[in-house]
Amino acid sequence: MKTILITGIGGLTPCSIAKTIRKNHSDYKLIGCDIEKKAMGFFMKNLLDEYYISPRCTSPDYFSWMEKLVFEKNIDYA
């Protein structure tokens, strides 16, 4: 099983990408992240397997947060 991280899941384009992947590759694990705790993709039924609130990309913590997530969740593609 492949694990894919989709960032900015509160936006229309990332949600559309996630829907397409889910439709064509139901065996893939989809993880989403966004800076907003009420991001649209977090609440779409059966869209994501897991989701996380991320720091802003301008935050000094962003890179280490992202690196930790990628390694802990064994993300194949982001």
PDB file of N, CA and C in Angstrom:
ATOM      1  N   MET A   1       0.839  -1.174   0.000  1.00  0.00           N
ATOM      2  CA  MET A   1       0.000   0.000   0.000  1.00  0.00           C
ATOM      3  C   MET A   1       0.887   1.241   0.000  1.00  0.00           C
ATOM      4  N   LYS A   2       0.546   2.195  -0.826  1.00  0.00           N
ATOM      5  CA  LYS A   2       1.250   3.473  -0.880  1.00  0.00           C
ATOM      6  C   LYS A   2       0.579   4.454   0.071  1.00  0.00           C
ATOM      7  N   THR A   3       1.382   5.332   0.654  1.00  0.00           N
ATOM      8  CA  THR A   3       0.868   6.383   1.521  1.00  0.00           C
ATOM      9  C   THR A   3       1.196   7.722   0.889  1.00  0.00           C
ATOM     10  N   ILE A   4       0.161   8.546   0.740  1.00  0.00           N
ATOM     11  CA  ILE A   4       0.310   9.838   0.079  1.00  0.00           C
ATOM     12  C   ILE A   4      -0.095  10.942   1.037  1.00  0.00           C
ATOM     13  N   LEU A   5       0.745  11.968   1.128  1.00  0.00           N
ATOM     14  CA  LEU A   5       0.440  13.156   1.919  1.00  0.00           C
ATOM     15  C   LEU A   5      -0.021  14.252   0.973  1.00  0.00           C
ATOM     16  N   ILE A   6      -1.176  14.834   1.284  1.00  0.00           N
ATOM     17  CA  ILE A   6      -1.699  15.947   0.495  1.00  0.00           C
ATOM     18  C   ILE A   6      -1.771  17.161   1.413  1.00  0.00           C
ATOM     19  N   THR A   7      -0.992  18.173   1.088  1.00  0.00           N
ATOM     20  CA  THR A   7      -0.963  19.388   1.901  1.00  0.00           C
ATOM     21  C   THR A   7      -2.012  20.373   1.396  1.00  0.00           C
ATOM     22  N   GLY A   8      -2.379  21.314   2.254  1.00  0.00           N
ATOM     23  CA  GLY A   8      -3.357  22.332   1.868  1.00  0.00           C
ATOM     24  C   GLY A   8      -4.725  21.745   1.585  1.00  0.00           C
ATOM     25  N   ILE A   9      -5.106  20.721   2.340  1.00  0.00           N
ATOM     26  CA  ILE A   9      -6.325  19.964   2.059  1.00  0.00           C
ATOM     27  C   ILE A   9      -7.595  20.788   2.291  1.00  0.00           C
ATOM     28  N   GLY A  10      -7.451  22.005   2.721  1.00  0.00           N
ATOM     29  CA  GLY A  10      -8.602  22.898   2.833  1.00  0.00           C
ATOM     30  C   GLY A  10      -8.971  23.537   1.512  1.00  0.00           C
ATOM     31  N   GLY A  11      -8.111  23.401   0.521  1.00  0.00           N
ATOM     32  CA  GLY A  11      -8.363  24.005  -0.787  1.00  0.00           C
ATOM     33  C   GLY A  11      -9.084  23.070  -1.740  1.00  0.00           C
ATOM     34  N   LEU A  12      -9.697  23.652  -2.757  1.00  0.00           N
ATOM     35  CA  LEU A  12     -10.451  22.862  -3.732  1.00  0.00           C
ATOM     36  C   LEU A  12      -9.565  21.918  -4.538  1.00  0.00           C
ATOM     37  N   THR A  13      -8.413  22.405  -4.989  1.00  0.00           N
ATOM     38  CA  THR A  13      -7.539  21.557  -5.809  1.00  0.00           C
ATOM     39  C   THR A  13      -7.010  20.358  -5.026  1.00  0.00           C
ATOM     40  N   PRO A  14      -6.459  20.533  -3.827  1.00  0.00           N
ATOM     41  CA  PRO A  14      -6.016  19.358  -3.073  1.00  0.00           C
ATOM     42  C   PRO A  14      -7.158  18.375  -2.774  1.00  0.00           C
ATOM     43  N   CYS A  15      -8.356  18.881  -2.500  1.00  0.00           N
ATOM     44  CA  CYS A  15      -9.498  17.987  -2.263  1.00  0.00           C
ATOM     45  C   CYS A  15      -9.844  17.208  -3.525  1.00  0.00           C
ATOM     46  N   SER A  16      -9.802  17.869  -4.669  1.00  0.00           N
ATOM     47  CA  SER A  16     -10.074  17.188  -5.941  1.00  0.00           C
ATOM     48  C   SER A  16      -9.026  16.123  -6.232  1.00  0.00           C
ATOM     49  N   ILE A  17      -7.780  16.435  -5.944  1.00  0.00           N
ATOM     50  CA  ILE A  17      -6.702  15.452  -6.134  1.00  0.00           C
ATOM     51  C   ILE A  17      -6.944  14.244  -5.232  1.00  0.00           C
ATOM     52  N   ALA A  18      -7.292  14.493  -3.976  1.00  0.00           N
ATOM     53  CA  ALA A  18      -7.556  13.396  -3.038  1.00  0.00           C
ATOM     54  C   ALA A  18      -8.738  12.545  -3.506  1.00  0.00           C
ATOM     55  N   LYS A  19      -9.800  13.182  -3.988  1.00  0.00           N
ATOM     56  CA  LYS A  19     -10.966  12.441  -4.487  1.00  0.00           C
ATOM     57  C   LYS A  19     -10.586  11.545  -5.657  1.00  0.00           C
ATOM     58  N   THR A  20      -9.787  12.070  -6.566  1.00  0.00           N
ATOM     59  CA  THR A  20      -9.376  11.299  -7.739  1.00  0.00           C
ATOM     60  C   THR A  20      -8.513  10.109  -7.335  1.00  0.00           C
ATOM     61  N   ILE A  21      -7.577  10.341  -6.435  1.00  0.00           N
ATOM     62  CA  ILE A  21      -6.729   9.237  -5.963  1.00  0.00           C
ATOM     63  C   ILE A  21      -7.584   8.187  -5.260  1.00  0.00           C
ATOM     64  N   ARG A  22      -8.488   8.629  -4.396  1.00  0.00           N
ATOM     65  CA  ARG A  22      -9.356   7.703  -3.650  1.00  0.00           C
ATOM     66  C   ARG A  22     -10.196   6.867  -4.622  1.00  0.00           C
ATOM     67  N   LYS A  23     -10.714   7.510  -5.658  1.00  0.00           N
ATOM     68  CA  LYS A  23     -11.566   6.820  -6.635  1.00  0.00           C
ATOM     69  C   LYS A  23     -10.789   5.770  -7.433  1.00  0.00           C
ATOM     70  N   ASN A  24      -9.573   6.096  -7.825  1.00  0.00           N
ATOM     71  CA  ASN A  24      -8.788   5.225  -8.701  1.00  0.00           C
ATOM     72  C   ASN A  24      -7.834   4.284  -7.979  1.00  0.00           C
ATOM     73  N   HIS A  25      -7.554   4.572  -6.719  1.00  0.00           N
ATOM     74  CA  HIS A  25      -6.605   3.763  -5.941  1.00  0.00           C
ATOM     75  C   HIS A  25      -7.130   3.619  -4.513  1.00  0.00           C
ATOM     76  N   SER A  26      -8.180   2.867  -4.352  1.00  0.00           N
ATOM     77  CA  SER A  26      -8.820   2.750  -3.037  1.00  0.00           C
ATOM     78  C   SER A  26      -7.921   2.094  -1.989  1.00  0.00           C
ATOM     79  N   ASP A  27      -6.858   1.440  -2.443  1.00  0.00           N
ATOM     80  CA  ASP A  27      -5.937   0.794  -1.505  1.00  0.00           C
ATOM     81  C   ASP A  27      -4.872   1.751  -0.967  1.00  0.00           C
ATOM     82  N   TYR A  28      -4.777   2.959  -1.520  1.00  0.00           N
ATOM     83  CA  TYR A  28      -3.793   3.930  -1.040  1.00  0.00           C
ATOM     84  C   TYR A  28      -4.261   4.543   0.275  1.00  0.00           C
ATOM     85  N   LYS A  29      -3.309   4.841   1.137  1.00  0.00           N
ATOM     86  CA  LYS A  29      -3.602   5.552   2.380  1.00  0.00           C
ATOM     87  C   LYS A  29      -3.397   7.035   2.110  1.00  0.00           C
ATOM     88  N   LEU A  30      -4.421   7.841   2.375  1.00  0.00           N
ATOM     89  CA  LEU A  30      -4.337   9.280   2.147  1.00  0.00           C
ATOM     90  C   LEU A  30      -4.278  10.019   3.473  1.00  0.00           C
ATOM     91  N   ILE A  31      -3.259  10.844   3.602  1.00  0.00           N
ATOM     92  CA  ILE A  31      -3.078  11.684   4.780  1.00  0.00           C
ATOM     93  C   ILE A  31      -3.122  13.128   4.313  1.00  0.00           C
ATOM     94  N   GLY A  32      -3.902  13.938   4.991  1.00  0.00           N
ATOM     95  CA  GLY A  32      -4.013  15.349   4.636  1.00  0.00           C
ATOM     96  C   GLY A  32      -3.530  16.230   5.763  1.00  0.00           C
ATOM     97  N   CYS A  33      -3.067  17.412   5.387  1.00  0.00           N
ATOM     98  CA  CYS A  33      -2.709  18.396   6.408  1.00  0.00           C
ATOM     99  C   CYS A  33      -3.064  19.793   5.914  1.00  0.00           C
ATOM    100  N   ASP A  34      -3.292  20.664   6.862  1.00  0.00           N
ATOM    101  CA  ASP A  34      -3.636  22.049   6.561  1.00  0.00           C
ATOM    102  C   ASP A  34      -3.350  22.880   7.808  1.00  0.00           C
ATOM    103  N   ILE A  35      -3.204  24.175   7.620  1.00  0.00           N
ATOM    104  CA  ILE A  35      -2.948  25.053   8.762  1.00  0.00           C
ATOM    105  C   ILE A  35      -4.227  25.394   9.524  1.00  0.00           C
ATOM    106  N   GLU A  36      -5.373  25.187   8.889  1.00  0.00           N
ATOM    107  CA  GLU A  36      -6.660  25.510   9.512  1.00  0.00           C
ATOM    108  C   GLU A  36      -7.282  24.265  10.135  1.00  0.00           C
ATOM    109  N   LYS A  37      -7.729  24.392  11.380  1.00  0.00           N
ATOM    110  CA  LYS A  37      -8.322  23.226  12.048  1.00  0.00           C
ATOM    111  C   LYS A  37      -9.688  22.854  11.482  1.00  0.00           C
ATOM    112  N   LYS A  38     -10.298  23.758  10.737  1.00  0.00           N
ATOM    113  CA  LYS A  38     -11.592  23.474  10.110  1.00  0.00           C
ATOM    114  C   LYS A  38     -11.458  23.382   8.590  1.00  0.00           C
ATOM    115  N   ALA A  39     -10.351  22.862   8.127  1.00  0.00           N
ATOM    116  CA  ALA A  39     -10.119  22.714   6.686  1.00  0.00           C
ATOM    117  C   ALA A  39     -11.172  21.790   6.074  1.00  0.00           C
ATOM    118  N   MET A  40     -11.675  22.181   4.919  1.00  0.00           N
ATOM    119  CA  MET A  40     -12.745  21.451   4.245  1.00  0.00           C
ATOM    120  C   MET A  40     -12.458  19.955   4.119  1.00  0.00           C
ATOM    121  N   GLY A  41     -11.259  19.596   3.718  1.00  0.00           N
ATOM    122  CA  GLY A  41     -10.919  18.195   3.495  1.00  0.00           C
ATOM    123  C   GLY A  41     -10.966  17.335   4.742  1.00  0.00           C
ATOM    124  N   PHE A  42     -10.815  17.950   5.913  1.00  0.00           N
ATOM    125  CA  PHE A  42     -10.871  17.200   7.165  1.00  0.00           C
ATOM    126  C   PHE A  42     -12.268  16.621   7.407  1.00  0.00           C
ATOM    127  N   PHE A  43     -13.275  17.249   6.821  1.00  0.00           N
ATOM    128  CA  PHE A  43     -14.662  16.892   7.115  1.00  0.00           C
ATOM    129  C   PHE A  43     -15.390  16.208   5.965  1.00  0.00           C
ATOM    130  N   MET A  44     -14.691  15.933   4.893  1.00  0.00           N
ATOM    131  CA  MET A  44     -15.311  15.253   3.752  1.00  0.00           C
ATOM    132  C   MET A  44     -15.293  13.742   3.999  1.00  0.00           C
ATOM    133  N   LYS A  45     -16.454  13.150   3.988  1.00  0.00           N
ATOM    134  CA  LYS A  45     -16.618  11.731   4.326  1.00  0.00           C
ATOM    135  C   LYS A  45     -15.779  10.834   3.422  1.00  0.00           C
ATOM    136  N   ASN A  46     -15.027   9.938   4.045  1.00  0.00           N
ATOM    137  CA  ASN A  46     -14.211   8.924   3.362  1.00  0.00           C
ATOM    138  C   ASN A  46     -13.118   9.491   2.455  1.00  0.00           C
ATOM    139  N   LEU A  47     -12.738  10.741   2.654  1.00  0.00           N
ATOM    140  CA  LEU A  47     -11.696  11.328   1.813  1.00  0.00           C
ATOM    141  C   LEU A  47     -10.303  10.974   2.328  1.00  0.00           C
ATOM    142  N   LEU A  48     -10.074  11.167   3.614  1.00  0.00           N
ATOM    143  CA  LEU A  48      -8.747  10.961   4.197  1.00  0.00           C
ATOM    144  C   LEU A  48      -8.763   9.830   5.218  1.00  0.00           C
ATOM    145  N   ASP A  49      -7.640   9.161   5.326  1.00  0.00           N
ATOM    146  CA  ASP A  49      -7.483   8.149   6.365  1.00  0.00           C
ATOM    147  C   ASP A  49      -7.003   8.786   7.670  1.00  0.00           C
ATOM    148  N   GLU A  50      -6.208   9.836   7.540  1.00  0.00           N
ATOM    149  CA  GLU A  50      -5.706  10.585   8.697  1.00  0.00           C
ATOM    150  C   GLU A  50      -5.543  12.037   8.270  1.00  0.00           C
ATOM    151  N   TYR A  51      -5.596  12.939   9.252  1.00  0.00           N
ATOM    152  CA  TYR A  51      -5.328  14.343   8.943  1.00  0.00           C
ATOM    153  C   TYR A  51      -4.652  15.024  10.128  1.00  0.00           C
ATOM    154  N   TYR A  52      -3.912  16.080   9.797  1.00  0.00           N
ATOM    155  CA  TYR A  52      -3.119  16.788  10.798  1.00  0.00           C
ATOM    156  C   TYR A  52      -3.160  18.282  10.536  1.00  0.00           C
ATOM    157  N   ILE A  53      -3.137  19.039  11.620  1.00  0.00           N
ATOM    158  CA  ILE A  53      -3.005  20.492  11.517  1.00  0.00           C
ATOM    159  C   ILE A  53      -1.516  20.794  11.516  1.00  0.00           C
ATOM    160  N   SER A  54      -1.074  21.488  10.488  1.00  0.00           N
ATOM    161  CA  SER A  54       0.355  21.769  10.327  1.00  0.00           C
ATOM    162  C   SER A  54       0.669  23.212  10.704  1.00  0.00           C
ATOM    163  N   PRO A  55       1.928  23.485  11.012  1.00  0.00           N
ATOM    164  CA  PRO A  55       2.339  24.881  11.165  1.00  0.00           C
ATOM    165  C   PRO A  55       2.369  25.540   9.782  1.00  0.00           C
ATOM    166  N   ARG A  56       2.355  26.844   9.757  1.00  0.00           N
ATOM    167  CA  ARG A  56       2.478  27.567   8.480  1.00  0.00           C
ATOM    168  C   ARG A  56       3.838  27.267   7.862  1.00  0.00           C
ATOM    169  N   CYS A  57       3.902  27.296   6.544  1.00  0.00           N
ATOM    170  CA  CYS A  57       5.173  26.998   5.874  1.00  0.00           C
ATOM    171  C   CYS A  57       6.233  28.063   6.163  1.00  0.00           C
ATOM    172  N   THR A  58       5.816  29.213   6.645  1.00  0.00           N
ATOM    173  CA  THR A  58       6.771  30.262   7.008  1.00  0.00           C
ATOM    174  C   THR A  58       7.286  30.109   8.442  1.00  0.00           C
ATOM    175  N   SER A  59       6.711  29.177   9.174  1.00  0.00           N
ATOM    176  CA  SER A  59       7.124  28.942  10.560  1.00  0.00           C
ATOM    177  C   SER A  59       8.486  28.256  10.603  1.00  0.00           C
ATOM    178  N   PRO A  60       9.327  28.619  11.565  1.00  0.00           N
ATOM    179  CA  PRO A  60      10.616  27.939  11.704  1.00  0.00           C
ATOM    180  C   PRO A  60      10.462  26.448  12.043  1.00  0.00           C
ATOM    181  N   ASP A  61       9.294  26.051  12.539  1.00  0.00           N
ATOM    182  CA  ASP A  61       9.045  24.653  12.909  1.00  0.00           C
ATOM    183  C   ASP A  61       8.532  23.801  11.752  1.00  0.00           C
ATOM    184  N   TYR A  62       8.189  24.435  10.635  1.00  0.00           N
ATOM    185  CA  TYR A  62       7.523  23.710   9.546  1.00  0.00           C
ATOM    186  C   TYR A  62       8.354  22.549   9.011  1.00  0.00           C
ATOM    187  N   PHE A  63       9.597  22.775   8.674  1.00  0.00           N
ATOM    188  CA  PHE A  63      10.402  21.721   8.056  1.00  0.00           C
ATOM    189  C   PHE A  63      10.563  20.521   8.986  1.00  0.00           C
ATOM    190  N   SER A  64      10.870  20.768  10.248  1.00  0.00           N
ATOM    191  CA  SER A  64      11.052  19.646  11.179  1.00  0.00           C
ATOM    192  C   SER A  64       9.728  18.921  11.424  1.00  0.00           C
ATOM    193  N   TRP A  65       8.624  19.671  11.473  1.00  0.00           N
ATOM    194  CA  TRP A  65       7.310  19.049  11.635  1.00  0.00           C
ATOM    195  C   TRP A  65       7.002  18.135  10.443  1.00  0.00           C
ATOM    196  N   MET A  66       7.238  18.649   9.243  1.00  0.00           N
ATOM    197  CA  MET A  66       6.960  17.888   8.025  1.00  0.00           C
ATOM    198  C   MET A  66       7.862  16.656   7.930  1.00  0.00           C
ATOM    199  N   GLU A  67       9.133  16.834   8.234  1.00  0.00           N
ATOM    200  CA  GLU A  67      10.081  15.721   8.186  1.00  0.00           C
ATOM    201  C   GLU A  67       9.662  14.607   9.154  1.00  0.00           C
ATOM    202  N   LYS A  68       9.264  14.994  10.352  1.00  0.00           N
ATOM    203  CA  LYS A  68       8.823  14.022  11.355  1.00  0.00           C
ATOM    204  C   LYS A  68       7.580  13.269  10.868  1.00  0.00           C
ATOM    205  N   LEU A  69       6.623  13.987  10.302  1.00  0.00           N
ATOM    206  CA  LEU A  69       5.402  13.359   9.795  1.00  0.00           C
ATOM    207  C   LEU A  69       5.716  12.366   8.677  1.00  0.00           C
ATOM    208  N   VAL A  70       6.563  12.764   7.754  1.00  0.00           N
ATOM    209  CA  VAL A  70       6.922  11.902   6.622  1.00  0.00           C
ATOM    210  C   VAL A  70       7.569  10.611   7.105  1.00  0.00           C
ATOM    211  N   PHE A  71       8.464  10.702   8.059  1.00  0.00           N
ATOM    212  CA  PHE A  71       9.144   9.503   8.551  1.00  0.00           C
ATOM    213  C   PHE A  71       8.251   8.653   9.458  1.00  0.00           C
ATOM    214  N   GLU A  72       7.488   9.285  10.344  1.00  0.00           N
ATOM    215  CA  GLU A  72       6.632   8.522  11.260  1.00  0.00           C
ATOM    216  C   GLU A  72       5.499   7.800  10.541  1.00  0.00           C
ATOM    217  N   LYS A  73       4.979   8.406   9.495  1.00  0.00           N
ATOM    218  CA  LYS A  73       3.840   7.829   8.773  1.00  0.00           C
ATOM    219  C   LYS A  73       4.264   7.073   7.516  1.00  0.00           C
ATOM    220  N   ASN A  74       5.563   6.950   7.301  1.00  0.00           N
ATOM    221  CA  ASN A  74       6.086   6.224   6.130  1.00  0.00           C
ATOM    222  C   ASN A  74       5.452   6.704   4.827  1.00  0.00           C
ATOM    223  N   ILE A  75       5.462   8.001   4.627  1.00  0.00           N
ATOM    224  CA  ILE A  75       4.843   8.599   3.446  1.00  0.00           C
ATOM    225  C   ILE A  75       5.710   8.337   2.222  1.00  0.00           C
ATOM    226  N   ASP A  76       5.073   7.817   1.184  1.00  0.00           N
ATOM    227  CA  ASP A  76       5.769   7.514  -0.067  1.00  0.00           C
ATOM    228  C   ASP A  76       5.816   8.716  -1.005  1.00  0.00           C
ATOM    229  N   TYR A  77       4.725   9.472  -1.036  1.00  0.00           N
ATOM    230  CA  TYR A  77       4.630  10.620  -1.944  1.00  0.00           C
ATOM    231  C   TYR A  77       4.002  11.793  -1.215  1.00  0.00           C
ATOM    232  N   ALA A  78       4.481  12.989  -1.532  1.00  0.00           N
ATOM    233  CA  ALA A  78       3.907  14.202  -0.940  1.00  0.00           C
ATOM    234  C   ALA A  78       3.841  15.286  -1.996  1.00  0.00           C
TER     235      ALA A  78
END
